[in-house]
Protein backbone atom coordinates (compact mmCIF):
# COMPACT_ATOMS: atom_id res chain seq x y z
CA MET A 1 100.24 90.02 49.34
CA ALA A 2 100.74 87.14 51.31
CA GLU A 3 102.80 87.19 54.63
CA LEU A 4 106.53 86.86 54.55
CA LYS A 5 107.82 84.50 56.92
CA ALA A 6 111.68 84.92 57.09
CA ASN A 7 112.65 84.31 53.11
CA MET A 8 109.75 81.76 52.50
CA VAL A 9 106.33 83.03 51.12
CA GLU A 10 103.27 81.22 49.40
CA VAL A 11 101.65 83.38 46.73
CA GLN A 12 98.12 82.86 45.44
CA ASP A 13 98.26 84.26 41.80
CA ASP A 14 100.09 85.66 39.27
CA ASP A 15 99.54 89.47 40.63
CA GLU A 16 101.06 88.60 44.05
CA PHE A 17 104.12 87.08 42.52
CA GLN A 18 104.69 90.17 40.30
CA GLN A 19 104.38 92.26 43.21
CA LEU A 20 106.73 90.17 45.18
CA LEU A 21 109.47 90.57 42.30
CA SER A 22 108.79 94.21 42.35
CA THR A 23 109.19 94.68 45.96
CA PHE A 24 112.17 92.55 46.13
CA PRO A 25 114.23 93.69 42.69
CA ASN A 26 117.88 92.90 43.88
CA ARG A 27 117.14 89.72 45.63
CA PRO A 28 117.13 86.29 43.72
CA VAL A 29 113.75 84.72 43.93
CA VAL A 30 113.22 80.86 43.54
CA LEU A 31 109.89 80.13 42.50
CA ARG A 32 108.36 76.37 43.15
CA LEU A 33 105.48 75.71 40.91
CA GLY A 34 103.65 72.65 42.08
CA ALA A 35 100.21 71.47 42.93
CA PRO A 36 98.31 69.91 45.92
CA TRP A 37 97.81 66.67 43.88
CA CYS A 38 101.40 66.08 42.65
CA GLN A 39 103.00 63.42 44.74
CA HIS A 40 106.54 64.41 43.46
CA CYS A 41 105.93 68.20 44.71
CA LYS A 42 105.21 66.95 47.89
CA LYS A 43 108.54 65.05 48.26
CA MET A 44 110.40 68.47 47.23
CA GLU A 45 108.52 70.73 49.93
CA GLN A 46 110.84 69.81 52.65
CA PRO A 47 114.00 70.01 50.66
CA PHE A 48 112.80 73.53 49.41
CA LYS A 49 112.35 74.63 53.03
CA GLU A 50 115.68 73.37 54.12
CA ILE A 51 117.51 74.73 51.34
CA GLY A 52 115.68 78.21 51.91
CA ALA A 53 116.71 78.21 55.48
CA SER A 54 120.67 77.84 54.29
CA PHE A 55 120.27 80.75 51.76
CA LYS A 56 118.60 83.71 53.58
CA GLU A 57 119.83 86.01 50.98
CA ALA A 58 117.17 84.48 48.40
CA LEU A 59 113.57 84.67 48.49
CA PHE A 60 111.74 81.31 48.34
CA VAL A 61 108.53 81.69 46.79
CA SER A 62 105.91 78.61 46.58
CA ALA A 63 102.75 78.62 44.28
CA ASN A 64 100.13 76.40 43.02
CA VAL A 65 100.68 76.10 39.36
CA ASP A 66 96.80 75.74 38.64
CA LYS A 67 96.26 79.31 39.99
CA MET A 68 99.32 81.08 38.12
CA GLU A 69 97.67 81.68 34.60
CA THR A 70 100.99 83.47 33.41
CA TYR A 71 103.81 82.04 35.34
CA GLY A 72 102.21 78.59 35.27
CA LYS A 73 101.66 78.76 31.26
CA ASP A 74 103.16 76.09 29.38
CA LEU A 75 104.62 74.37 32.16
CA ARG A 76 105.38 70.92 31.37
CA TYR A 77 106.27 68.96 34.71
CA THR A 78 105.68 69.76 38.51
CA PRO A 79 107.79 70.47 40.55
CA THR A 80 109.39 73.35 38.32
CA PHE A 81 111.68 75.49 39.85
CA SER A 82 112.13 79.11 38.44
CA PHE A 83 114.94 81.50 39.33
CA TYR A 84 114.52 85.29 38.81
CA TYR A 85 116.56 88.17 39.31
CA ASN A 86 115.75 91.90 38.47
CA SER A 87 112.10 90.33 37.85
CA ARG A 88 113.53 88.43 34.99
CA LYS A 89 113.72 84.66 34.88
CA VAL A 90 117.34 83.71 34.49
CA ASP A 91 116.98 79.64 35.12
CA GLU A 92 114.65 76.77 35.47
CA ILE A 93 114.77 73.30 36.63
CA ILE A 94 112.19 70.59 36.64
CA GLY A 95 111.67 67.59 38.92
CA VAL A 96 112.71 65.93 42.19
CA ASN A 97 116.40 66.15 42.90
CA ALA A 98 117.27 68.16 45.94
CA GLN A 99 121.03 68.29 45.35
CA ARG A 100 120.32 69.85 41.83
CA LEU A 101 118.03 72.28 43.37
CA ARG A 102 120.62 73.09 46.29
CA ASP A 103 123.44 73.44 43.37
CA HIS A 104 121.27 75.98 41.10
CA VAL A 105 120.15 78.03 44.19
CA TRP A 106 124.04 78.32 45.04
CA LEU A 107 124.76 79.26 41.73
CA HIS A 108 122.38 82.38 41.81
CA CYS A 109 123.46 83.47 45.42
CA ASP A 110 126.35 85.32 46.55
CA SER A 111 127.11 83.14 49.52
């Protein structure tokens, strides 16, 4: 599994992400699915990191959608932000809107 830095990590494939979900079952997980070629994804990199710094109780995971065969399946837009708890997807938002992302993270976290 990729190195966990504070509450931010990048996974390389579905197996790594599944292992991460299994390792932290009682922690909210925010998965950012993007791609290196996606300009919208690049715009959300910094806000994603800043929001992650504000919500330490959640785990913020980045992944390249092109390498996520299962979790990236049927994805229609990048970036997509998926929210997991107890290894189950509980919410999803798409697009470039840092305030909307912050609001959804707040909704799924205790603080």
